[in-house]
């Protein structure tokens, strides 16, 4: 009975070791790939953020105007 438990414990430890070593290898590869990233210049990032904000405001205003128009139209038809 104890021999089976010992063998079982060894198998579990081997699997855990493999899992840990695989995790460490994965993180090392992530670190290597992260060094290859080329980030855009600060000016380009700021310009992109401003463009996104501008178009978000425009689309929000457009949808808000449509909401007001449709709300007024439905209120008029319900009366």
PDB file of N, CA and C in Angstrom:
ATOM      1  N   UNK A   1       0.814  -1.186   0.000  1.00  0.00           N
ATOM      2  CA  UNK A   1       0.000   0.000   0.000  1.00  0.00           C
ATOM      3  C   UNK A   1       0.861   1.255   0.000  1.00  0.00           C
ATOM      4  N   UNK A   2       1.885   1.298   0.824  1.00  0.00           N
ATOM      5  CA  UNK A   2       2.736   2.468   0.911  1.00  0.00           C
ATOM      6  C   UNK A   2       3.567   2.628  -0.360  1.00  0.00           C
ATOM      7  N   UNK A   3       3.928   1.527  -0.984  1.00  0.00           N
ATOM      8  CA  UNK A   3       4.724   1.597  -2.208  1.00  0.00           C
ATOM      9  C   UNK A   3       3.935   2.300  -3.306  1.00  0.00           C
ATOM     10  N   UNK A   4       2.633   1.997  -3.379  1.00  0.00           N
ATOM     11  CA  UNK A   4       1.786   2.636  -4.390  1.00  0.00           C
ATOM     12  C   UNK A   4       1.675   4.138  -4.120  1.00  0.00           C
ATOM     13  N   UNK A   5       1.548   4.501  -2.856  1.00  0.00           N
ATOM     14  CA  UNK A   5       1.448   5.916  -2.500  1.00  0.00           C
ATOM     15  C   UNK A   5       2.737   6.654  -2.826  1.00  0.00           C
ATOM     16  N   UNK A   6       3.865   6.007  -2.596  1.00  0.00           N
ATOM     17  CA  UNK A   6       5.162   6.624  -2.903  1.00  0.00           C
ATOM     18  C   UNK A   6       5.289   6.857  -4.394  1.00  0.00           C
ATOM     19  N   UNK A   7       4.919   5.857  -5.194  1.00  0.00           N
ATOM     20  CA  UNK A   7       4.977   5.997  -6.655  1.00  0.00           C
ATOM     21  C   UNK A   7       4.033   7.103  -7.099  1.00  0.00           C
ATOM     22  N   UNK A   8       2.844   7.147  -6.522  1.00  0.00           N
ATOM     23  CA  UNK A   8       1.862   8.174  -6.867  1.00  0.00           C
ATOM     24  C   UNK A   8       2.396   9.564  -6.536  1.00  0.00           C
ATOM     25  N   UNK A   9       3.024   9.702  -5.371  1.00  0.00           N
ATOM     26  CA  UNK A   9       3.604  10.985  -4.969  1.00  0.00           C
ATOM     27  C   UNK A   9       4.707  11.414  -5.930  1.00  0.00           C
ATOM     28  N   UNK A  10       5.528  10.461  -6.382  1.00  0.00           N
ATOM     29  CA  UNK A  10       6.602  10.784  -7.331  1.00  0.00           C
ATOM     30  C   UNK A  10       6.029  11.271  -8.650  1.00  0.00           C
ATOM     31  N   UNK A  11       4.970  10.606  -9.122  1.00  0.00           N
ATOM     32  CA  UNK A  11       4.337  11.005 -10.382  1.00  0.00           C
ATOM     33  C   UNK A  11       3.774  12.411 -10.254  1.00  0.00           C
ATOM     34  N   UNK A  12       3.127  12.699  -9.138  1.00  0.00           N
ATOM     35  CA  UNK A  12       2.550  14.031  -8.922  1.00  0.00           C
ATOM     36  C   UNK A  12       3.657  15.082  -8.876  1.00  0.00           C
ATOM     37  N   UNK A  13       4.759  14.798  -8.188  1.00  0.00           N
ATOM     38  CA  UNK A  13       5.866  15.744  -8.110  1.00  0.00           C
ATOM     39  C   UNK A  13       6.495  15.973  -9.474  1.00  0.00           C
ATOM     40  N   UNK A  14       6.601  14.916 -10.296  1.00  0.00           N
ATOM     41  CA  UNK A  14       7.157  15.072 -11.643  1.00  0.00           C
ATOM     42  C   UNK A  14       6.256  15.961 -12.488  1.00  0.00           C
ATOM     43  N   UNK A  15       4.944  15.755 -12.382  1.00  0.00           N
ATOM     44  CA  UNK A  15       4.007  16.584 -13.148  1.00  0.00           C
ATOM     45  C   UNK A  15       4.087  18.034 -12.690  1.00  0.00           C
ATOM     46  N   UNK A  16       4.171  18.258 -11.369  1.00  0.00           N
ATOM     47  CA  UNK A  16       4.293  19.619 -10.858  1.00  0.00           C
ATOM     48  C   UNK A  16       5.583  20.254 -11.330  1.00  0.00           C
ATOM     49  N   UNK A  17       6.663  19.486 -11.319  1.00  0.00           N
ATOM     50  CA  UNK A  17       7.939  19.997 -11.792  1.00  0.00           C
ATOM     51  C   UNK A  17       7.863  20.387 -13.254  1.00  0.00           C
ATOM     52  N   UNK A  18       7.214  19.560 -14.030  1.00  0.00           N
ATOM     53  CA  UNK A  18       7.051  19.881 -15.443  1.00  0.00           C
ATOM     54  C   UNK A  18       6.215  21.139 -15.612  1.00  0.00           C
ATOM     55  N   UNK A  19       5.173  21.254 -14.815  1.00  0.00           N
ATOM     56  CA  UNK A  19       4.308  22.426 -14.910  1.00  0.00           C
ATOM     57  C   UNK A  19       5.068  23.688 -14.521  1.00  0.00           C
ATOM     58  N   UNK A  20       5.832  23.619 -13.466  1.00  0.00           N
ATOM     59  CA  UNK A  20       6.597  24.783 -13.013  1.00  0.00           C
ATOM     60  C   UNK A  20       7.660  25.147 -14.041  1.00  0.00           C
ATOM     61  N   UNK A  21       8.357  24.143 -14.563  1.00  0.00           N
ATOM     62  CA  UNK A  21       9.401  24.441 -15.549  1.00  0.00           C
ATOM     63  C   UNK A  21       8.795  24.988 -16.836  1.00  0.00           C
ATOM     64  N   UNK A  22       7.616  24.494 -17.205  1.00  0.00           N
ATOM     65  CA  UNK A  22       6.935  25.030 -18.393  1.00  0.00           C
ATOM     66  C   UNK A  22       6.519  26.480 -18.164  1.00  0.00           C
ATOM     67  N   UNK A  23       6.045  26.768 -16.954  1.00  0.00           N
ATOM     68  CA  UNK A  23       5.646  28.138 -16.635  1.00  0.00           C
ATOM     69  C   UNK A  23       6.824  29.091 -16.659  1.00  0.00           C
ATOM     70  N   UNK A  24       7.949  28.644 -16.110  1.00  0.00           N
ATOM     71  CA  UNK A  24       9.152  29.482 -16.113  1.00  0.00           C
ATOM     72  C   UNK A  24       9.638  29.710 -17.540  1.00  0.00           C
ATOM     73  N   UNK A  25       9.616  28.655 -18.345  1.00  0.00           N
ATOM     74  CA  UNK A  25      10.043  28.784 -19.745  1.00  0.00           C
ATOM     75  C   UNK A  25       9.125  29.756 -20.493  1.00  0.00           C
ATOM     76  N   UNK A  26       7.819  29.658 -20.239  1.00  0.00           N
ATOM     77  CA  UNK A  26       6.868  30.566 -20.883  1.00  0.00           C
ATOM     78  C   UNK A  26       7.162  32.014 -20.523  1.00  0.00           C
ATOM     79  N   UNK A  27       7.394  32.279 -19.242  1.00  0.00           N
ATOM     80  CA  UNK A  27       7.671  33.651 -18.807  1.00  0.00           C
ATOM     81  C   UNK A  27       8.980  34.178 -19.394  1.00  0.00           C
ATOM     82  N   UNK A  28       9.971  33.317 -19.540  1.00  0.00           N
ATOM     83  CA  UNK A  28      11.230  33.737 -20.166  1.00  0.00           C
ATOM     84  C   UNK A  28      11.009  34.104 -21.625  1.00  0.00           C
ATOM     85  N   UNK A  29      10.177  33.317 -22.323  1.00  0.00           N
ATOM     86  CA  UNK A  29       9.881  33.624 -23.718  1.00  0.00           C
ATOM     87  C   UNK A  29       9.083  34.914 -23.852  1.00  0.00           C
ATOM     88  N   UNK A  30       8.177  35.164 -22.905  1.00  0.00           N
ATOM     89  CA  UNK A  30       7.408  36.411 -22.908  1.00  0.00           C
ATOM     90  C   UNK A  30       8.347  37.599 -22.749  1.00  0.00           C
ATOM     91  N   UNK A  31       9.314  37.472 -21.857  1.00  0.00           N
ATOM     92  CA  UNK A  31      10.278  38.547 -21.630  1.00  0.00           C
ATOM     93  C   UNK A  31      11.079  38.830 -22.900  1.00  0.00           C
ATOM     94  N   UNK A  32      11.498  37.765 -23.596  1.00  0.00           N
ATOM     95  CA  UNK A  32      12.257  37.932 -24.839  1.00  0.00           C
ATOM     96  C   UNK A  32      11.405  38.633 -25.893  1.00  0.00           C
ATOM     97  N   UNK A  33      10.145  38.210 -26.033  1.00  0.00           N
ATOM     98  CA  UNK A  33       9.273  38.822 -27.032  1.00  0.00           C
ATOM     99  C   UNK A  33       8.925  40.264 -26.670  1.00  0.00           C
ATOM    100  N   UNK A  34       8.799  40.565 -25.384  1.00  0.00           N
ATOM    101  CA  UNK A  34       8.469  41.921 -24.955  1.00  0.00           C
ATOM    102  C   UNK A  34       9.588  42.898 -25.313  1.00  0.00           C
ATOM    103  N   UNK A  35      10.817  42.412 -25.347  1.00  0.00           N
ATOM    104  CA  UNK A  35      11.934  43.282 -25.720  1.00  0.00           C
ATOM    105  C   UNK A  35      11.895  43.654 -27.199  1.00  0.00           C
ATOM    106  N   UNK A  36      11.165  42.885 -28.009  1.00  0.00           N
ATOM    107  CA  UNK A  36      11.086  43.134 -29.452  1.00  0.00           C
ATOM    108  C   UNK A  36      10.020  44.176 -29.808  1.00  0.00           C
ATOM    109  N   UNK A  37       9.218  44.586 -28.838  1.00  0.00           N
ATOM    110  CA  UNK A  37       8.135  45.531 -29.104  1.00  0.00           C
ATOM    111  C   UNK A  37       8.714  46.895 -29.445  1.00  0.00           C
ATOM    112  N   UNK A  38       8.179  47.497 -30.500  1.00  0.00           N
ATOM    113  CA  UNK A  38       8.567  48.870 -30.837  1.00  0.00           C
ATOM    114  C   UNK A  38       7.363  49.764 -30.562  1.00  0.00           C
ATOM    115  N   UNK A  39       7.523  50.684 -29.652  1.00  0.00           N
ATOM    116  CA  UNK A  39       6.443  51.568 -29.257  1.00  0.00           C
ATOM    117  C   UNK A  39       6.430  52.790 -30.164  1.00  0.00           C
ATOM    118  N   UNK A  40       5.225  53.334 -30.451  1.00  0.00           N
ATOM    119  CA  UNK A  40       5.154  54.542 -31.269  1.00  0.00           C
ATOM    120  C   UNK A  40       5.695  55.738 -30.490  1.00  0.00           C
ATOM    121  N   UNK A  41       6.108  56.763 -31.209  1.00  0.00           N
ATOM    122  CA  UNK A  41       6.591  57.975 -30.524  1.00  0.00           C
ATOM    123  C   UNK A  41       5.469  58.639 -29.714  1.00  0.00           C
ATOM    124  N   UNK A  42       5.873  59.394 -28.707  1.00  0.00           N
ATOM    125  CA  UNK A  42       4.919  60.046 -27.812  1.00  0.00           C
ATOM    126  C   UNK A  42       3.971  60.969 -28.576  1.00  0.00           C
ATOM    127  N   UNK A  43       4.495  61.682 -29.564  1.00  0.00           N
ATOM    128  CA  UNK A  43       3.675  62.610 -30.349  1.00  0.00           C
ATOM    129  C   UNK A  43       2.551  61.861 -31.078  1.00  0.00           C
ATOM    130  N   UNK A  44       2.866  60.707 -31.628  1.00  0.00           N
ATOM    131  CA  UNK A  44       1.872  59.916 -32.350  1.00  0.00           C
ATOM    132  C   UNK A  44       0.797  59.381 -31.401  1.00  0.00           C
ATOM    133  N   UNK A  45       1.192  58.989 -30.217  1.00  0.00           N
ATOM    134  CA  UNK A  45       0.233  58.479 -29.232  1.00  0.00           C
ATOM    135  C   UNK A  45      -0.725  59.589 -28.819  1.00  0.00           C
ATOM    136  N   UNK A  46      -0.196  60.763 -28.549  1.00  0.00           N
ATOM    137  CA  UNK A  46      -1.033  61.897 -28.145  1.00  0.00           C
ATOM    138  C   UNK A  46      -1.999  62.273 -29.261  1.00  0.00           C
ATOM    139  N   UNK A  47      -1.521  62.308 -30.501  1.00  0.00           N
ATOM    140  CA  UNK A  47      -2.380  62.630 -31.638  1.00  0.00           C
ATOM    141  C   UNK A  47      -3.489  61.595 -31.792  1.00  0.00           C
ATOM    142  N   UNK A  48      -3.167  60.322 -31.633  1.00  0.00           N
ATOM    143  CA  UNK A  48      -4.174  59.264 -31.736  1.00  0.00           C
ATOM    144  C   UNK A  48      -5.227  59.389 -30.650  1.00  0.00           C
ATOM    145  N   UNK A  49      -4.798  59.685 -29.431  1.00  0.00           N
ATOM    146  CA  UNK A  49      -5.739  59.851 -28.319  1.00  0.00           C
ATOM    147  C   UNK A  49      -6.660  61.041 -28.577  1.00  0.00           C
ATOM    148  N   UNK A  50      -6.109  62.139 -29.060  1.00  0.00           N
ATOM    149  CA  UNK A  50      -6.928  63.315 -29.346  1.00  0.00           C
ATOM    150  C   UNK A  50      -7.940  63.038 -30.455  1.00  0.00           C
ATOM    151  N   UNK A  51      -7.525  62.306 -31.476  1.00  0.00           N
ATOM    152  CA  UNK A  51      -8.446  61.961 -32.568  1.00  0.00           C
ATOM    153  C   UNK A  51      -9.582  61.086 -32.052  1.00  0.00           C
ATOM    154  N   UNK A  52      -9.265  60.115 -31.225  1.00  0.00           N
ATOM    155  CA  UNK A  52     -10.296  59.231 -30.667  1.00  0.00           C
ATOM    156  C   UNK A  52     -11.268  60.029 -29.807  1.00  0.00           C
ATOM    157  N   UNK A  53     -10.739  60.939 -28.983  1.00  0.00           N
ATOM    158  CA  UNK A  53     -11.607  61.755 -28.141  1.00  0.00           C
ATOM    159  C   UNK A  53     -12.513  62.648 -28.995  1.00  0.00           C
ATOM    160  N   UNK A  54     -11.959  63.253 -30.034  1.00  0.00           N
ATOM    161  CA  UNK A  54     -12.726  64.141 -30.906  1.00  0.00           C
ATOM    162  C   UNK A  54     -13.875  63.387 -31.571  1.00  0.00           C
ATOM    163  N   UNK A  55     -13.565  62.243 -32.175  1.00  0.00           N
ATOM    164  CA  UNK A  55     -14.609  61.489 -32.867  1.00  0.00           C
ATOM    165  C   UNK A  55     -15.624  60.897 -31.894  1.00  0.00           C
ATOM    166  N   UNK A  56     -15.202  60.559 -30.689  1.00  0.00           N
ATOM    167  CA  UNK A  56     -16.142  60.058 -29.679  1.00  0.00           C
ATOM    168  C   UNK A  56     -17.126  61.158 -29.289  1.00  0.00           C
ATOM    169  N   UNK A  57     -16.642  62.383 -29.142  1.00  0.00           N
ATOM    170  CA  UNK A  57     -17.523  63.509 -28.807  1.00  0.00           C
ATOM    171  C   UNK A  57     -18.491  63.787 -29.946  1.00  0.00           C
ATOM    172  N   UNK A  58     -17.994  63.762 -31.180  1.00  0.00           N
ATOM    173  CA  UNK A  58     -18.858  64.003 -32.346  1.00  0.00           C
ATOM    174  C   UNK A  58     -19.949  62.944 -32.434  1.00  0.00           C
ATOM    175  N   UNK A  59     -19.585  61.680 -32.310  1.00  0.00           N
ATOM    176  CA  UNK A  59     -20.567  60.595 -32.404  1.00  0.00           C
ATOM    177  C   UNK A  59     -21.538  60.657 -31.233  1.00  0.00           C
ATOM    178  N   UNK A  60     -21.041  60.977 -30.041  1.00  0.00           N
ATOM    179  CA  UNK A  60     -21.926  61.121 -28.883  1.00  0.00           C
ATOM    180  C   UNK A  60     -22.933  62.244 -29.077  1.00  0.00           C
ATOM    181  N   UNK A  61     -22.477  63.370 -29.615  1.00  0.00           N
ATOM    182  CA  UNK A  61     -23.379  64.499 -29.865  1.00  0.00           C
ATOM    183  C   UNK A  61     -24.431  64.117 -30.913  1.00  0.00           C
ATOM    184  N   UNK A  62     -24.006  63.416 -31.948  1.00  0.00           N
ATOM    185  CA  UNK A  62     -24.928  62.978 -33.006  1.00  0.00           C
ATOM    186  C   UNK A  62     -25.993  62.042 -32.438  1.00  0.00           C
ATOM    187  N   UNK A  63     -25.570  61.067 -31.660  1.00  0.00           N
ATOM    188  CA  UNK A  63     -26.529  60.124 -31.082  1.00  0.00           C
ATOM    189  C   UNK A  63     -27.425  60.811 -30.061  1.00  0.00           C
ATOM    190  N   UNK A  64     -26.884  61.759 -29.292  1.00  0.00           N
ATOM    191  CA  UNK A  64     -27.692  62.516 -28.349  1.00  0.00           C
ATOM    192  C   UNK A  64     -28.754  63.340 -29.062  1.00  0.00           C
ATOM    193  N   UNK A  65     -28.391  63.960 -30.190  1.00  0.00           N
ATOM    194  CA  UNK A  65     -29.347  64.738 -30.983  1.00  0.00           C
ATOM    195  C   UNK A  65     -30.445  63.838 -31.537  1.00  0.00           C
ATOM    196  N   UNK A  66     -30.063  62.672 -32.038  1.00  0.00           N
ATOM    197  CA  UNK A  66     -31.073  61.732 -32.523  1.00  0.00           C
ATOM    198  C   UNK A  66     -32.006  61.305 -31.398  1.00  0.00           C
ATOM    199  N   UNK A  67     -31.472  61.088 -30.221  1.00  0.00           N
ATOM    200  CA  UNK A  67     -32.286  60.692 -29.073  1.00  0.00           C
ATOM    201  C   UNK A  67     -33.298  61.779 -28.730  1.00  0.00           C
ATOM    202  N   UNK A  68     -32.859  63.025 -28.735  1.00  0.00           N
ATOM    203  CA  UNK A  68     -33.770  64.134 -28.434  1.00  0.00           C
ATOM    204  C   UNK A  68     -34.872  64.224 -29.487  1.00  0.00           C
ATOM    205  N   UNK A  69     -34.486  64.095 -30.761  1.00  0.00           N
ATOM    206  CA  UNK A  69     -35.469  64.178 -31.852  1.00  0.00           C
ATOM    207  C   UNK A  69     -36.484  63.048 -31.755  1.00  0.00           C
ATOM    208  N   UNK A  70     -35.997  61.808 -31.579  1.00  0.00           N
ATOM    209  CA  UNK A  70     -36.911  60.667 -31.499  1.00  0.00           C
ATOM    210  C   UNK A  70     -37.780  60.733 -30.255  1.00  0.00           C
ATOM    211  N   UNK A  71     -37.240  61.214 -29.148  1.00  0.00           N
ATOM    212  CA  UNK A  71     -38.016  61.361 -27.926  1.00  0.00           C
ATOM    213  C   UNK A  71     -39.136  62.373 -28.140  1.00  0.00           C
ATOM    214  N   UNK A  72     -38.827  63.501 -28.769  1.00  0.00           N
ATOM    215  CA  UNK A  72     -39.849  64.516 -29.044  1.00  0.00           C
ATOM    216  C   UNK A  72     -40.899  63.970 -30.009  1.00  0.00           C
ATOM    217  N   UNK A  73     -40.477  63.228 -31.016  1.00  0.00           N
ATOM    218  CA  UNK A  73     -41.399  62.663 -32.000  1.00  0.00           C
ATOM    219  C   UNK A  73     -42.338  61.650 -31.348  1.00  0.00           C
ATOM    220  N   UNK A  74     -41.806  60.783 -30.530  1.00  0.00           N
ATOM    221  CA  UNK A  74     -42.645  59.777 -29.868  1.00  0.00           C
ATOM    222  C   UNK A  74     -43.577  60.440 -28.856  1.00  0.00           C
ATOM    223  N   UNK A  75     -43.098  61.446 -28.135  1.00  0.00           N
ATOM    224  CA  UNK A  75     -43.965  62.170 -27.186  1.00  0.00           C
ATOM    225  C   UNK A  75     -45.093  62.852 -27.933  1.00  0.00           C
ATOM    226  N   UNK A  76     -44.819  63.396 -29.091  1.00  0.00           N
ATOM    227  CA  UNK A  76     -45.852  64.053 -29.893  1.00  0.00           C
ATOM    228  C   UNK A  76     -46.884  63.042 -30.386  1.00  0.00           C
ATOM    229  N   UNK A  77     -46.432  61.856 -30.808  1.00  0.00           N
ATOM    230  CA  UNK A  77     -47.349  60.844 -31.337  1.00  0.00           C
ATOM    231  C   UNK A  77     -48.181  60.191 -30.232  1.00  0.00           C
ATOM    232  N   UNK A  78     -47.662  60.104 -29.020  1.00  0.00           N
ATOM    233  CA  UNK A  78     -48.376  59.458 -27.931  1.00  0.00           C
ATOM    234  C   UNK A  78     -49.495  60.348 -27.390  1.00  0.00           C
ATOM    235  N   UNK A  79     -49.347  61.659 -27.472  1.00  0.00           N
ATOM    236  CA  UNK A  79     -50.371  62.588 -26.961  1.00  0.00           C
ATOM    237  C   UNK A  79     -51.649  62.408 -27.649  1.00  0.00           C
TER     238      UNK A  79
END
